Amino acid sequence: MYSLEFEKAFRKTLDLEGGDKYTNIEGDNGGETKYGISKKAFPNEDIKNLTLERAKYLHYTYYWEPLKLDGVDSHIAEEMYDTAFNMGVGTAIKILQDSINFLSPSNTLEVDGKMGPKTLESFKYWINKDEEALFRCLNGFQFMRFVQIVLHNNTQKKFSRGWMKRIQDFS
């Protein structure tokens, strides 16, 4: 049912999220979490008893599919998915749009957080033109977002080391 690209990205994100470990860390805005699925994001889910298959379905349906990543076999697909999972789909798309605008100011996208046809076309163009430059921009804008979170709420600083593991090398 799931693409090979998704399966690979899902495994990487699960590793960053601590696998199947159930947590309820004080100060974590997500609250109860397992497989990276939080009670805040999915209030009707029984987080403590969440199965791997149910978690995979939620990851795919709510984070991978809205980004239209099936068929995108690149580091960029993994990066976009993980960013969407960590920050929300709209934020991940805004980071993509900011990155594309940074790389090509003559082809300015509206930064609206929607994966519309123009954003999707530009996304695929940059994967083919200079995947590494796009990847590095995505990581840079992602880092700036982490900094903004901490500046806005210093209690979140305790999560900064974990967030930095999401800033990946292009390899």
Protein backbone atom coordinates (compact mmCIF):
# COMPACT_ATOMS: atom_id res chain seq x y z
CA MET A 1 0.00 0.00 0.00
CA TYR A 2 2.77 2.46 0.86
CA SER A 3 5.51 3.57 -1.52
CA LEU A 4 9.12 2.59 -0.93
CA GLU A 5 9.94 6.29 -0.59
CA PHE A 6 7.43 6.63 2.25
CA GLU A 7 8.60 3.45 4.01
CA LYS A 8 12.20 4.72 4.02
CA ALA A 9 11.22 8.19 5.24
CA PHE A 10 8.87 6.75 7.86
CA ARG A 11 11.67 4.61 9.36
CA LYS A 12 14.00 7.63 9.55
CA THR A 13 11.38 9.81 11.22
CA LEU A 14 10.46 7.05 13.68
CA ASP A 15 14.12 6.81 14.67
CA LEU A 16 14.15 10.56 15.36
CA GLU A 17 10.94 10.23 17.36
CA GLY A 18 12.21 7.41 19.58
CA GLY A 19 10.51 4.50 17.83
CA ASP A 20 7.64 2.84 19.67
CA LYS A 21 8.45 4.44 23.03
CA TYR A 22 5.46 5.98 24.82
CA THR A 23 6.28 9.34 26.41
CA ASN A 24 4.48 12.09 28.26
CA ILE A 25 7.26 14.62 28.90
CA GLU A 26 6.48 17.59 31.10
CA GLY A 27 6.58 20.76 29.01
CA ASP A 28 6.20 18.93 25.68
CA ASN A 29 3.38 20.76 23.92
CA GLY A 30 2.29 17.53 22.22
CA GLY A 31 1.55 15.73 25.48
CA GLU A 32 1.31 11.94 25.29
CA THR A 33 3.32 10.64 22.33
CA LYS A 34 4.05 7.27 20.70
CA TYR A 35 5.57 6.68 17.24
CA GLY A 36 5.76 10.48 17.17
CA ILE A 37 1.95 10.68 17.20
CA SER A 38 0.86 13.16 19.86
CA LYS A 39 -2.35 13.48 21.80
CA LYS A 40 -2.46 17.17 20.92
CA ALA A 41 -2.44 16.46 17.18
CA PHE A 42 -4.72 13.42 17.43
CA PRO A 43 -6.96 13.89 20.49
CA ASN A 44 -9.22 10.96 19.59
CA GLU A 45 -6.39 8.42 19.39
CA ASP A 46 -5.52 6.07 22.27
CA ILE A 47 -1.86 7.04 22.25
CA LYS A 48 -0.71 4.55 24.88
CA ASN A 49 -2.13 1.61 22.86
CA LEU A 50 -1.36 2.96 19.39
CA THR A 51 -0.15 0.26 16.99
CA LEU A 52 2.62 0.63 14.46
CA GLU A 53 0.18 0.10 11.56
CA ARG A 54 -2.20 2.78 12.85
CA ALA A 55 0.72 5.18 13.36
CA LYS A 56 1.96 4.48 9.84
CA TYR A 57 -1.50 5.21 8.44
CA LEU A 58 -1.62 8.53 10.33
CA HIS A 59 1.87 9.51 9.19
CA TYR A 60 1.02 8.73 5.57
CA THR A 61 -2.45 10.26 5.48
CA TYR A 62 -1.78 13.45 7.40
CA TYR A 63 1.85 14.24 6.56
CA TRP A 64 3.10 12.42 3.43
CA GLU A 65 0.06 12.55 1.15
CA PRO A 66 -0.72 16.28 1.55
CA LEU A 67 2.83 17.03 0.37
CA LYS A 68 2.30 14.92 -2.78
CA LEU A 69 5.56 13.03 -2.16
CA ASP A 70 4.77 9.66 -3.76
CA GLY A 71 7.16 9.24 -6.67
CA VAL A 72 9.65 11.75 -5.25
CA ASP A 73 12.70 9.60 -4.57
CA SER A 74 15.15 12.02 -3.00
CA HIS A 75 16.48 13.39 0.24
CA ILE A 76 14.05 16.24 -0.27
CA ALA A 77 11.01 13.96 0.15
CA GLU A 78 12.39 12.67 3.46
CA GLU A 79 13.22 16.19 4.60
CA MET A 80 9.83 17.62 3.65
CA TYR A 81 7.95 14.77 5.32
CA ASP A 82 9.97 14.97 8.53
CA THR A 83 9.54 18.74 8.66
CA ALA A 84 5.79 18.39 8.11
CA PHE A 85 5.61 15.76 10.81
CA ASN A 86 7.60 17.88 13.25
CA MET A 87 6.17 21.33 12.45
CA GLY A 88 2.95 20.76 10.54
CA VAL A 89 2.21 20.43 6.83
CA GLY A 90 1.48 24.13 6.30
CA THR A 91 4.75 25.17 7.96
CA ALA A 92 6.73 22.61 5.92
CA ILE A 93 5.22 23.97 2.71
CA LYS A 94 5.97 27.56 3.77
CA ILE A 95 9.57 26.54 4.41
CA LEU A 96 9.65 24.97 0.93
CA GLN A 97 8.16 28.11 -0.62
CA ASP A 98 10.65 30.35 1.24
CA SER A 99 13.49 28.09 0.09
CA ILE A 100 12.41 28.20 -3.55
CA ASN A 101 12.01 31.98 -3.37
CA PHE A 102 15.47 32.29 -1.82
CA LEU A 103 17.01 30.21 -4.60
CA SER A 104 15.16 31.88 -7.44
CA PRO A 105 13.86 35.37 -6.69
CA SER A 106 12.59 35.79 -10.26
CA ASN A 107 10.16 32.88 -9.71
CA THR A 108 8.45 34.16 -6.58
CA LEU A 109 5.90 31.86 -4.97
CA GLU A 110 3.20 33.08 -2.64
CA VAL A 111 4.14 31.78 0.82
CA ASP A 112 0.71 30.44 1.73
CA GLY A 113 1.48 26.96 3.06
CA LYS A 114 -0.44 25.25 0.26
CA MET A 115 1.00 22.68 -2.13
CA GLY A 116 -0.68 24.17 -5.17
CA PRO A 117 0.30 23.50 -8.78
CA LYS A 118 2.88 26.33 -8.94
CA THR A 119 4.59 25.22 -5.71
CA LEU A 120 4.57 21.58 -6.82
CA GLU A 121 6.01 22.47 -10.25
CA SER A 122 8.76 24.61 -8.66
CA PHE A 123 9.45 21.87 -6.10
CA LYS A 124 10.02 19.27 -8.83
CA TYR A 125 12.06 21.75 -10.88
CA TRP A 126 14.48 22.40 -7.99
CA ILE A 127 14.83 18.71 -7.17
CA ASN A 128 16.08 18.21 -10.74
CA LYS A 129 18.07 21.45 -11.03
CA ASP A 130 19.93 21.53 -7.71
CA GLU A 131 18.60 19.13 -5.08
CA GLU A 132 21.48 19.86 -2.70
CA ALA A 133 20.89 23.63 -2.71
CA LEU A 134 17.17 23.10 -2.06
CA PHE A 135 17.96 20.62 0.72
CA ARG A 136 20.33 23.05 2.43
CA CYS A 137 17.79 25.88 2.18
CA LEU A 138 15.09 23.68 3.70
CA ASN A 139 17.39 22.88 6.61
CA GLY A 140 18.33 26.54 7.05
CA PHE A 141 14.73 27.73 7.19
CA GLN A 142 13.87 24.81 9.47
CA PHE A 143 16.68 25.85 11.84
CA MET A 144 15.42 29.45 11.84
CA ARG A 145 11.96 28.17 12.80
CA PHE A 146 13.43 26.24 15.75
CA VAL A 147 15.18 29.42 16.90
CA GLN A 148 11.91 31.36 16.65
CA ILE A 149 10.14 28.75 18.79
CA VAL A 150 12.74 29.08 21.55
CA LEU A 151 12.80 32.89 21.34
CA HIS A 152 9.03 32.92 21.67
CA ASN A 153 8.96 30.40 24.55
CA ASN A 154 12.26 29.71 26.32
CA THR A 155 10.78 26.64 28.09
CA GLN A 156 11.04 24.86 24.73
CA LYS A 157 14.84 25.23 24.69
CA LYS A 158 15.18 21.84 26.40
CA PHE A 159 14.08 20.25 23.10
CA SER A 160 16.65 22.08 20.95
CA ARG A 161 19.26 19.28 20.94
CA GLY A 162 16.65 16.81 19.67
CA TRP A 163 15.51 19.28 17.03
CA MET A 164 19.08 19.66 15.78
CA LYS A 165 19.13 15.95 14.93
CA ARG A 166 16.49 16.81 12.33
CA ILE A 167 18.95 19.10 10.55
CA GLN A 168 20.46 16.43 8.32
CA ASP A 169 23.51 16.24 6.07
CA PHE A 170 22.99 15.89 2.37
CA SER A 171 24.36 12.38 1.93
